[in-house]
Amino acid sequence: MKKLNYKLFILLALGVAACAKSDPNPAKDYADLPVVKPHGEVAPTQQEMTNPFVIDVVGPYDQNVAQFSEGETKTIQLSVRVLEPDIKRFVLRAFDLPKGMVFGQNPQVKNQYTLTWTPKLIVPAGQPDTKFTIRLEAAVVETRDPRLRSIVKNHNLQIVVAANRKVPVIEGLSWGAQVKSDGQRAHFEEGSVIPFAVVISDPSSFSNIPPKMSRVPYEDGGNSETFKADALGFVRPDRNAGAPRKVDNNGKWEFRYILDLKSMTLPTPLKRDGSFDLDADSVNMCFSFQGESQAGVPSADYPFCFSVSFKSKAPEIVWPDTQGKGYITLRANALNRITFFVRAVNGRGSLDIQGTDFEALPGPATLVCAKAKDNQVIRTCEIEWFVSCDMPSPQVVEVKATNKVGNRENFNTSRREFRVEKSGDACPPPTPRPAKKVKKTIVPVPEETPVPAPSVPAAEPSPSPATEQKPSGGKS
């Protein structure tokens, strides 16, 4: 072991001595070579290759932007310029394409490619557009220059999708053949139920998803001289018609509704002074629709106005509650007041109430009807009837009420039974009176004076053949 360590020490010492005698500047060994100043160039084998492809968007656009619009089919042309003449063939590929976008080659133009796409509604609400990027890759397939072999060029192309802000248009209302309409006005009768359709054209409706349709309140500006009632509550969707119908492939749709003038009471028109015109025979009404495109763009309001002729309905006659007895009780030997009401069912028109044959009722009976407050379509009537104790019971009273609206009228007749209640205090039984003694007076009867019988001359007897007359005083 000691001999091995000694040998290593000797070798190390010799190495150190040799290095101490060498020159620390080795450049003097090349002093005979010419010195060249730096010039910034590189050797041909180290040269950086220029990008051999330039990809542009054809058309009046930014060269690196492809622009589309929601709902519109569009084809963008892409041009590839090859800057290296040694490249004989290349291939262009596209990556990160959105759903539905088709990438292809233009067979008619050399080195042109296409992007075809119909964007759906992808722009967030309230924003003018949305942007994203796709990647195009150009790769050398065949070249005369070995240095260009397998070169790949990546190009990021920005896609801009503009929001569809085209305004939908409500084209009109479609009525059945039984309705006469000029497109903006029609006339109906109270109690009618009329189906109709609203037709809307939505430029952004490029799929099978229909636009929206809403009923909106109608505003007439508050001018009482041209009063038009809001008919919003009288229009309802036609549930039997199903979903909106697509009319064509250009974004035209049909929505089905029903104008119901039967289920609810029609509004009463106003006079120029703002008061209710209870004698009017018709009312003007309007409703309005508004559409909204798939992109959220609203259409202009589409109003439709019409007039409705009122029907005259039979008025209602309301008698006092009889508590199940079916007749009204009258107090004998007293003045009775019976109050009842007459009401126009549809809340309009003028009422006329008359009693039938009141003058034939026993005892004085009168019928008086007055307005209930300021409303002439509800009338309060009162029968005043003095009932004597000897009035026959029961009695039947008949009242006829007529409702007139314009030149149309309808009536209702009601009969009610009345019974007389005779209490002991009101009608006590009569007290019997004692019989009066009658003094008999004897009137002498005068003697009859004999009246002499009238003298009649005696007839002479005729001689009988069987009797022989003897001379008087004679002897047989």
Protein backbone atom coordinates (compact mmCIF):
# COMPACT_ATOMS: atom_id res chain seq x y z
CA MET A 1 0.00 0.00 0.00
CA LYS A 2 2.81 2.36 0.84
CA LYS A 3 4.53 1.56 -2.50
CA LEU A 4 1.30 2.45 -4.45
CA ASN A 5 0.92 5.83 -2.77
CA TYR A 6 4.50 6.66 -3.48
CA LYS A 7 4.11 5.98 -7.20
CA LEU A 8 1.05 8.26 -7.42
CA PHE A 9 2.86 11.08 -5.73
CA ILE A 10 5.78 10.87 -8.17
CA LEU A 11 3.39 11.07 -11.19
CA LEU A 12 1.53 14.07 -9.79
CA ALA A 13 4.70 15.98 -9.15
CA LEU A 14 5.96 15.43 -12.69
CA GLY A 15 2.63 16.73 -14.14
CA VAL A 16 2.74 19.94 -12.14
CA ALA A 17 6.27 20.61 -13.25
CA ALA A 18 5.36 20.19 -16.93
CA CYS A 19 2.41 22.62 -16.74
CA ALA A 20 4.55 25.23 -15.08
CA LYS A 21 6.86 25.32 -18.12
CA SER A 22 3.95 25.71 -20.85
CA ASP A 23 2.77 29.08 -22.45
CA PRO A 24 -0.71 30.17 -21.18
CA ASN A 25 -1.58 31.90 -24.59
CA PRO A 26 -2.24 29.24 -27.28
CA ALA A 27 -3.23 31.86 -29.98
CA LYS A 28 0.45 32.43 -30.88
CA ASP A 29 0.38 29.05 -32.55
CA TYR A 30 -2.06 30.59 -35.20
CA ALA A 31 -0.33 33.92 -35.64
CA ASP A 32 0.39 33.21 -39.31
CA LEU A 33 -3.37 33.21 -40.24
CA PRO A 34 -5.02 36.47 -41.60
CA VAL A 35 -7.37 38.29 -39.27
CA VAL A 36 -10.98 38.82 -40.59
CA LYS A 37 -13.17 41.57 -39.12
CA PRO A 38 -16.69 40.62 -37.93
CA HIS A 39 -19.39 41.22 -40.62
CA GLY A 40 -22.59 39.71 -39.06
CA GLU A 41 -23.09 37.07 -41.73
CA VAL A 42 -23.51 33.37 -41.21
CA ALA A 43 -22.38 30.43 -43.22
CA PRO A 44 -24.72 29.04 -45.91
CA THR A 45 -25.42 25.96 -43.84
CA GLN A 46 -26.54 28.16 -40.91
CA GLN A 47 -28.84 30.49 -42.93
CA GLU A 48 -32.45 31.08 -41.48
CA MET A 49 -35.09 30.00 -44.01
CA THR A 50 -37.69 32.68 -44.93
CA ASN A 51 -41.40 31.59 -44.39
CA PRO A 52 -42.40 30.18 -47.78
CA PHE A 53 -46.21 30.73 -47.39
CA VAL A 54 -48.46 33.81 -47.04
CA ILE A 55 -52.16 33.16 -46.26
CA ASP A 56 -54.66 35.98 -46.91
CA VAL A 57 -58.45 36.43 -46.82
CA VAL A 58 -59.72 37.33 -50.29
CA GLY A 59 -62.05 40.30 -50.51
CA PRO A 60 -62.60 43.72 -48.93
CA TYR A 61 -61.68 42.53 -45.48
CA ASP A 62 -58.75 42.65 -43.16
CA GLN A 63 -56.24 40.16 -44.53
CA ASN A 64 -56.28 38.19 -41.32
CA VAL A 65 -59.98 38.38 -40.40
CA ALA A 66 -62.89 36.27 -41.69
CA GLN A 67 -66.24 37.97 -41.03
CA PHE A 68 -69.59 36.19 -40.67
CA SER A 69 -73.09 37.20 -39.49
CA GLU A 70 -75.54 35.25 -37.38
CA GLY A 71 -78.04 33.33 -39.42
CA GLU A 72 -76.43 34.05 -42.78
CA THR A 73 -74.61 31.47 -44.89
CA LYS A 74 -71.33 32.81 -46.14
CA THR A 75 -68.22 31.49 -47.90
CA ILE A 76 -64.83 33.07 -47.23
CA GLN A 77 -62.06 32.63 -49.84
CA LEU A 78 -58.53 32.03 -48.57
CA SER A 79 -55.52 32.60 -50.85
CA VAL A 80 -52.16 30.90 -50.28
CA ARG A 81 -49.14 32.50 -51.92
CA VAL A 82 -45.98 30.35 -52.27
CA LEU A 83 -42.83 32.48 -52.00
CA GLU A 84 -40.31 29.74 -52.74
CA PRO A 85 -40.31 28.66 -56.43
CA ASP A 86 -38.65 25.38 -55.50
CA ILE A 87 -41.83 24.24 -53.71
CA LYS A 88 -43.71 22.08 -56.19
CA ARG A 89 -46.58 20.94 -53.94
CA PHE A 90 -47.99 21.74 -50.50
CA VAL A 91 -51.06 20.99 -48.38
CA LEU A 92 -53.25 23.33 -46.27
CA ARG A 93 -55.12 22.03 -43.26
CA ALA A 94 -57.57 23.76 -40.82
CA PHE A 95 -57.94 23.10 -37.10
CA ASP A 96 -60.24 24.28 -34.27
CA LEU A 97 -63.17 24.89 -36.63
CA PRO A 98 -66.55 25.68 -34.99
CA LYS A 99 -69.43 23.28 -35.42
CA GLY A 100 -70.92 23.49 -38.89
CA MET A 101 -67.99 25.28 -40.56
CA VAL A 102 -66.77 23.48 -43.69
CA PHE A 103 -63.20 23.86 -44.97
CA GLY A 104 -62.41 22.95 -48.58
CA GLN A 105 -60.39 23.73 -51.70
CA ASN A 106 -61.58 25.87 -54.56
CA PRO A 107 -61.32 23.61 -57.60
CA GLN A 108 -61.53 26.53 -60.01
CA VAL A 109 -58.75 28.71 -58.62
CA LYS A 110 -55.25 27.47 -57.90
CA ASN A 111 -54.06 27.78 -54.32
CA GLN A 112 -57.46 29.01 -53.06
CA TYR A 113 -59.40 27.47 -50.21
CA THR A 114 -62.85 28.13 -48.72
CA LEU A 115 -64.51 28.43 -45.32
CA THR A 116 -68.32 28.04 -45.51
CA TRP A 117 -70.47 28.54 -42.43
CA THR A 118 -73.93 29.56 -41.18
CA PRO A 119 -73.39 30.79 -37.62
CA LYS A 120 -76.15 30.24 -35.15
CA LEU A 121 -77.06 32.73 -32.44
CA ILE A 122 -73.77 32.72 -30.58
CA VAL A 123 -73.27 36.43 -29.87
CA PRO A 124 -74.01 37.24 -26.22
CA ALA A 125 -76.96 39.57 -25.68
CA GLY A 126 -76.04 43.21 -25.80
CA GLN A 127 -72.76 42.68 -27.68
CA PRO A 128 -72.20 43.63 -31.34
CA ASP A 129 -70.14 40.54 -32.17
CA THR A 130 -68.04 37.68 -30.88
CA LYS A 131 -64.52 36.60 -31.89
CA PHE A 132 -62.40 33.46 -31.85
CA THR A 133 -59.41 32.00 -33.72
CA ILE A 134 -58.88 28.98 -35.95
CA ARG A 135 -55.49 27.56 -36.97
CA LEU A 136 -54.38 27.01 -40.56
CA GLU A 137 -51.37 24.78 -41.23
CA ALA A 138 -49.45 24.88 -44.56
CA ALA A 139 -46.95 22.06 -45.03
CA VAL A 140 -44.47 21.39 -47.86
CA VAL A 141 -45.11 18.08 -49.56
CA GLU A 142 -42.74 18.20 -52.55
CA THR A 143 -39.76 20.52 -53.26
CA ARG A 144 -36.58 20.74 -55.30
CA ASP A 145 -34.72 22.27 -52.37
CA PRO A 146 -33.94 19.72 -49.66
CA ARG A 147 -33.73 22.54 -47.16
CA LEU A 148 -37.47 23.23 -47.61
CA ARG A 149 -38.56 19.68 -47.10
CA SER A 150 -40.97 19.18 -44.16
CA ILE A 151 -41.37 22.92 -43.49
CA VAL A 152 -44.69 23.70 -41.79
CA LYS A 153 -46.28 27.12 -41.53
CA ASN A 154 -48.92 27.77 -38.82
CA HIS A 155 -51.27 30.70 -39.37
CA ASN A 156 -53.88 31.95 -36.85
CA LEU A 157 -57.00 33.31 -38.55
CA GLN A 158 -59.44 35.43 -36.56
CA ILE A 159 -63.17 34.69 -37.02
CA VAL A 160 -65.60 37.55 -36.27
CA VAL A 161 -69.34 36.79 -36.02
CA ALA A 162 -71.54 39.89 -36.08
CA ALA A 163 -74.83 39.84 -34.19
CA ASN A 164 -77.93 39.65 -36.34
CA ARG A 165 -79.71 42.96 -35.79
CA LYS A 166 -82.24 42.67 -38.58
CA VAL A 167 -85.66 43.77 -37.39
CA PRO A 168 -88.56 41.30 -37.71
CA VAL A 169 -91.73 42.59 -39.34
CA ILE A 170 -95.33 41.66 -38.49
CA GLU A 171 -96.92 41.46 -41.91
CA GLY A 172 -100.55 41.41 -40.80
CA LEU A 173 -103.49 39.44 -39.46
CA SER A 174 -105.28 36.69 -41.32
CA TRP A 175 -109.01 36.24 -40.63
CA GLY A 176 -111.50 33.71 -41.85
CA ALA A 177 -113.78 34.29 -44.81
CA GLN A 178 -116.65 35.31 -42.51
CA VAL A 179 -114.78 38.39 -41.31
CA LYS A 180 -114.67 41.52 -43.43
CA SER A 181 -111.45 43.35 -42.69
CA ASP A 182 -109.38 45.94 -44.50
CA GLY A 183 -106.26 44.70 -42.75
CA GLN A 184 -106.39 47.28 -39.98
CA ARG A 185 -110.07 47.33 -38.97
CA ALA A 186 -113.07 45.00 -38.80
CA HIS A 187 -116.55 44.83 -37.25
CA PHE A 188 -117.84 42.12 -34.92
CA GLU A 189 -120.91 41.31 -32.84
CA GLU A 190 -120.91 40.89 -29.07
CA GLY A 191 -120.77 37.22 -28.20
CA SER A 192 -118.57 36.28 -31.19
CA VAL A 193 -115.54 33.99 -30.92
CA ILE A 194 -113.25 34.52 -33.92
CA PRO A 195 -109.99 32.67 -34.71
CA PHE A 196 -107.24 34.53 -36.55
CA ALA A 197 -103.52 34.33 -37.34
CA VAL A 198 -100.60 36.75 -36.95
CA VAL A 199 -97.96 36.48 -39.67
CA ILE A 200 -94.39 37.61 -38.90
CA SER A 201 -91.25 37.64 -41.03
CA ASP A 202 -88.01 37.17 -39.06
CA PRO A 203 -84.79 37.44 -41.10
CA SER A 204 -82.82 35.80 -38.30
CA SER A 205 -85.13 32.79 -38.12
CA PHE A 206 -82.83 30.53 -40.09
CA SER A 207 -83.62 27.36 -38.18
CA ASN A 208 -86.75 25.59 -36.99
CA ILE A 209 -86.90 27.79 -33.90
CA PRO A 210 -89.68 30.39 -34.29
CA PRO A 211 -89.40 34.00 -33.18
CA LYS A 212 -91.34 35.23 -30.18
CA MET A 213 -94.78 36.84 -30.34
CA SER A 214 -96.29 38.90 -27.52
CA ARG A 215 -99.56 40.71 -26.89
CA VAL A 216 -98.84 44.21 -25.65
CA PRO A 217 -101.18 46.89 -24.25
CA TYR A 218 -102.69 49.27 -26.74
CA GLU A 219 -102.19 52.97 -26.08
CA ASP A 220 -104.67 55.41 -27.60
CA GLY A 221 -103.04 58.53 -26.23
CA GLY A 222 -105.81 59.27 -23.75
CA ASN A 223 -107.93 61.17 -26.27
CA SER A 224 -111.53 60.61 -25.20
CA GLU A 225 -112.85 61.89 -28.53
CA THR A 226 -111.26 58.92 -30.26
CA PHE A 227 -111.68 56.47 -27.39
CA LYS A 228 -110.58 52.93 -28.12
CA ALA A 229 -110.70 50.34 -25.39
CA ASP A 230 -107.74 48.01 -24.88
CA ALA A 231 -108.73 44.53 -26.08
CA LEU A 232 -105.62 42.80 -24.70
CA GLY A 233 -107.65 40.61 -22.35
CA PHE A 234 -109.98 39.47 -25.12
CA VAL A 235 -107.19 37.85 -27.17
CA ARG A 236 -105.84 34.43 -26.22
CA PRO A 237 -103.68 31.81 -27.95
CA ASP A 238 -105.50 29.13 -29.90
CA ARG A 239 -104.51 26.03 -27.95
CA ASN A 240 -106.04 23.75 -30.57
CA ALA A 241 -103.75 25.14 -33.28
CA GLY A 242 -100.58 23.87 -31.63
CA ALA A 243 -97.12 25.40 -32.08
CA PRO A 244 -96.39 28.27 -34.47
CA ARG A 245 -96.35 27.16 -38.09
CA LYS A 246 -93.38 27.75 -40.37
CA VAL A 247 -94.78 29.25 -43.58
CA ASP A 248 -91.62 29.14 -45.70
CA ASN A 249 -87.83 28.86 -45.48
CA ASN A 250 -87.33 32.63 -45.50
CA GLY A 251 -88.18 33.15 -41.85
CA LYS A 252 -91.97 33.60 -42.17
CA TRP A 253 -94.06 32.19 -39.31
CA GLU A 254 -97.76 32.06 -38.39
CA PHE A 255 -99.12 32.32 -34.84
CA ARG A 256 -102.77 31.37 -34.14
CA TYR A 257 -105.00 33.32 -31.71
CA ILE A 258 -108.68 33.70 -30.77
CA LEU A 259 -110.61 36.93 -30.27
CA ASP A 260 -113.14 36.05 -27.56
CA LEU A 261 -115.99 38.58 -27.29
CA LYS A 262 -118.21 36.20 -25.36
CA SER A 263 -116.52 35.17 -22.12
CA MET A 264 -116.09 38.65 -20.63
CA THR A 265 -118.19 41.79 -20.40
CA LEU A 266 -117.28 44.34 -23.02
CA PRO A 267 -116.05 47.76 -21.83
CA THR A 268 -118.39 50.72 -21.90
CA PRO A 269 -117.30 53.56 -24.20
CA LEU A 270 -116.68 57.06 -22.95
CA LYS A 271 -118.29 60.33 -23.91
CA ARG A 272 -116.26 63.38 -24.79
CA ASP A 273 -116.46 64.60 -21.21
CA GLY A 274 -114.98 61.32 -19.96
CA SER A 275 -118.22 59.92 -18.54
CA PHE A 276 -119.59 56.51 -19.50
CA ASP A 277 -121.83 56.43 -22.56
CA LEU A 278 -124.38 53.90 -21.35
CA ASP A 279 -126.62 54.43 -24.38
CA ALA A 280 -123.91 53.59 -26.94
CA ASP A 281 -124.75 50.72 -29.27
CA SER A 282 -121.10 49.76 -29.96
CA VAL A 283 -117.55 50.18 -28.71
CA ASN A 284 -114.25 50.65 -30.52
CA MET A 285 -111.47 48.35 -29.34
CA CYS A 286 -107.83 47.72 -30.28
CA PHE A 287 -105.12 45.22 -29.44
CA SER A 288 -101.46 45.20 -30.37
CA PHE A 289 -98.77 42.60 -31.07
CA GLN A 290 -94.98 42.76 -30.92
CA GLY A 291 -92.54 40.21 -32.27
CA GLU A 292 -88.97 39.45 -31.27
CA SER A 293 -86.35 37.82 -33.48
CA GLN A 294 -84.21 34.91 -32.40
CA ALA A 295 -81.42 37.43 -31.91
CA GLY A 296 -83.56 39.41 -29.45
CA VAL A 297 -84.41 42.28 -31.81
CA PRO A 298 -87.99 43.56 -31.24
CA SER A 299 -90.36 44.43 -34.04
CA ALA A 300 -92.51 47.53 -34.19
CA ASP A 301 -95.88 47.27 -32.48
CA TYR A 302 -98.66 46.12 -34.80
CA PRO A 303 -102.07 47.51 -33.69
CA PHE A 304 -105.40 46.23 -34.92
CA CYS A 305 -108.67 48.05 -34.22
CA PHE A 306 -112.26 46.92 -34.58
CA SER A 307 -115.79 47.82 -33.48
CA VAL A 308 -118.18 45.58 -31.56
CA SER A 309 -121.95 46.00 -31.65
CA PHE A 310 -123.60 45.49 -28.29
CA LYS A 311 -126.34 42.93 -27.85
CA SER A 312 -129.44 43.83 -25.88
CA LYS A 313 -129.83 41.25 -23.13
CA ALA A 314 -132.91 40.59 -21.03
CA PRO A 315 -132.62 42.49 -17.75
CA GLU A 316 -132.61 40.75 -14.40
CA ILE A 317 -135.44 41.34 -11.89
CA VAL A 318 -134.44 40.72 -8.27
CA TRP A 319 -137.26 40.39 -5.72
CA PRO A 320 -136.85 40.40 -1.94
CA ASP A 321 -135.75 37.17 -0.32
CA THR A 322 -138.75 35.02 0.50
CA GLN A 323 -136.71 32.73 2.78
CA GLY A 324 -137.80 29.71 0.84
CA LYS A 325 -141.50 30.38 1.06
CA GLY A 326 -141.89 31.21 -2.61
CA TYR A 327 -144.21 34.15 -1.93
CA ILE A 328 -144.11 37.63 -0.37
CA THR A 329 -146.16 38.38 2.72
CA LEU A 330 -148.38 41.44 2.94
CA ARG A 331 -149.62 42.92 6.21
CA ALA A 332 -153.33 43.46 6.32
CA ASN A 333 -154.84 46.78 7.25
CA ALA A 334 -151.50 48.54 6.52
CA LEU A 335 -149.51 50.31 3.80
CA ASN A 336 -146.94 47.82 2.46
CA ARG A 337 -143.75 48.85 0.63
CA ILE A 338 -142.04 46.15 -1.41
CA THR A 339 -138.61 47.02 -2.88
CA PHE A 340 -137.01 45.13 -5.78
CA PHE A 341 -134.22 45.79 -8.30
CA VAL A 342 -133.91 45.64 -12.06
CA ARG A 343 -130.41 45.30 -13.51
CA ALA A 344 -129.08 45.36 -17.07
CA VAL A 345 -127.07 42.14 -17.35
CA ASN A 346 -124.44 43.54 -19.70
CA GLY A 347 -124.16 46.80 -17.78
CA ARG A 348 -125.39 49.10 -20.52
CA GLY A 349 -128.52 50.40 -22.21
CA SER A 350 -131.64 52.04 -20.80
CA LEU A 351 -134.23 50.25 -18.67
CA ASP A 352 -138.00 50.62 -18.72
CA ILE A 353 -140.06 48.95 -15.94
CA GLN A 354 -143.82 48.63 -15.95
CA GLY A 355 -146.38 46.84 -13.81
CA THR A 356 -148.93 44.74 -15.61
CA ASP A 357 -152.58 45.49 -14.75
CA PHE A 358 -151.76 47.22 -11.47
CA GLU A 359 -155.05 49.10 -11.68
CA ALA A 360 -156.89 45.80 -11.46
CA LEU A 361 -155.34 44.91 -8.09
CA PRO A 362 -157.65 45.25 -5.07
CA GLY A 363 -156.73 48.24 -3.01
CA PRO A 364 -154.62 51.14 -4.26
CA ALA A 365 -151.25 49.79 -5.54
CA THR A 366 -148.62 51.96 -7.25
CA LEU A 367 -145.21 51.16 -8.84
CA VAL A 368 -142.39 53.73 -8.74
CA CYS A 369 -138.85 53.08 -10.09
CA ALA A 370 -135.89 55.41 -9.64
CA LYS A 371 -132.24 55.32 -10.61
CA ALA A 372 -129.85 53.66 -8.22
CA LYS A 373 -127.38 56.47 -7.53
CA ASP A 374 -126.07 57.68 -10.89
CA ASN A 375 -126.18 54.36 -12.67
CA GLN A 376 -129.16 54.00 -14.94
CA VAL A 377 -128.49 50.32 -15.61
CA ILE A 378 -129.52 49.41 -12.03
CA ARG A 379 -132.96 50.61 -11.07
CA THR A 380 -134.59 50.52 -7.67
CA CYS A 381 -138.37 49.97 -7.75
CA GLU A 382 -140.94 50.14 -4.98
CA ILE A 383 -144.54 48.94 -4.84
CA GLU A 384 -146.81 50.79 -2.42
CA TRP A 385 -149.90 48.77 -1.60
CA PHE A 386 -152.55 49.35 1.02
CA VAL A 387 -154.01 46.00 1.93
CA SER A 388 -157.42 45.87 3.54
CA CYS A 389 -158.50 43.09 5.84
CA ASP A 390 -161.04 41.81 3.41
CA MET A 391 -158.67 41.68 0.40
CA PRO A 392 -158.65 38.22 -1.16
CA SER A 393 -155.42 36.24 -0.82
CA PRO A 394 -153.23 35.33 -2.65
CA GLN A 395 -152.62 38.02 -5.23
CA VAL A 396 -150.23 37.76 -8.24
CA VAL A 397 -148.22 40.76 -9.43
CA GLU A 398 -146.49 40.86 -12.83
CA VAL A 399 -143.61 43.23 -13.70
CA LYS A 400 -142.09 43.70 -17.18
CA ALA A 401 -138.58 45.15 -17.60
CA THR A 402 -137.17 46.13 -21.02
CA ASN A 403 -133.52 46.87 -21.83
CA LYS A 404 -132.83 48.96 -24.92
CA VAL A 405 -129.40 49.31 -26.54
CA GLY A 406 -129.38 51.47 -29.64
CA ASN A 407 -132.18 50.16 -31.82
CA ARG A 408 -132.15 46.71 -30.20
CA GLU A 409 -134.14 45.75 -27.12
CA ASN A 410 -134.88 42.73 -24.98
CA PHE A 411 -137.27 42.22 -22.08
CA ASN A 412 -137.95 40.03 -19.09
CA THR A 413 -141.30 39.37 -17.33
CA SER A 414 -141.48 38.26 -13.70
CA ARG A 415 -144.53 37.14 -11.73
CA ARG A 416 -144.58 37.07 -7.95
CA GLU A 417 -147.20 35.75 -5.53
CA PHE A 418 -148.34 37.84 -2.55
CA ARG A 419 -150.26 36.54 0.46
CA VAL A 420 -152.12 38.58 3.05
CA GLU A 421 -151.27 38.03 6.70
CA LYS A 422 -154.19 38.91 8.94
CA SER A 423 -153.32 39.22 12.58
CA GLY A 424 -155.85 39.50 15.33
CA ASP A 425 -154.77 43.01 16.23
CA ALA A 426 -154.79 44.27 12.67
CA CYS A 427 -158.05 42.65 11.68
CA PRO A 428 -160.13 41.81 14.91
CA PRO A 429 -163.33 39.88 14.35
CA PRO A 430 -166.46 42.13 14.24
CA THR A 431 -168.50 42.47 17.55
CA PRO A 432 -172.05 41.08 17.12
CA ARG A 433 -174.84 43.71 17.69
CA PRO A 434 -178.09 42.92 19.69
CA ALA A 435 -181.20 42.48 17.58
CA LYS A 436 -183.69 45.35 17.67
CA LYS A 437 -187.36 44.76 18.82
CA VAL A 438 -189.79 45.48 16.08
CA LYS A 439 -193.17 47.00 17.18
CA LYS A 440 -195.94 45.48 15.26
CA THR A 441 -198.64 47.87 14.07
CA ILE A 442 -202.06 46.43 13.25
CA VAL A 443 -203.51 48.10 10.32
CA PRO A 444 -207.34 47.57 10.08
CA VAL A 445 -208.41 46.02 6.90
CA PRO A 446 -211.41 47.82 5.41
CA GLU A 447 -214.57 45.79 4.81
CA GLU A 448 -215.13 44.78 1.33
CA THR A 449 -218.09 46.38 -0.34
CA PRO A 450 -220.05 43.82 -2.28
CA VAL A 451 -220.01 44.46 -5.88
CA PRO A 452 -223.33 43.69 -7.53
CA ALA A 453 -223.07 41.11 -10.19
CA PRO A 454 -223.94 42.30 -13.61
CA SER A 455 -227.49 41.52 -14.74
CA VAL A 456 -227.73 38.96 -17.43
CA PRO A 457 -231.06 38.52 -19.23
CA ALA A 458 -232.53 35.06 -18.73
CA ALA A 459 -232.89 32.99 -21.78
CA GLU A 460 -236.31 31.53 -22.55
CA PRO A 461 -236.28 27.79 -22.32
CA SER A 462 -236.90 25.88 -25.45
CA PRO A 463 -239.70 23.35 -25.28
CA SER A 464 -238.47 19.85 -25.00
CA PRO A 465 -240.24 17.25 -27.04
CA ALA A 466 -240.00 14.75 -24.22
CA THR A 467 -241.57 17.01 -21.63
CA GLU A 468 -245.08 18.04 -21.75
CA GLN A 469 -245.70 21.44 -20.28
CA LYS A 470 -248.65 21.53 -17.97
CA PRO A 471 -250.57 24.64 -17.33
CA SER A 472 -249.74 26.28 -13.97
CA GLY A 473 -251.95 25.55 -11.17
CA GLY A 474 -253.24 22.61 -12.88
CA LYS A 475 -254.03 19.20 -11.25
CA SER A 476 -252.70 15.89 -12.68
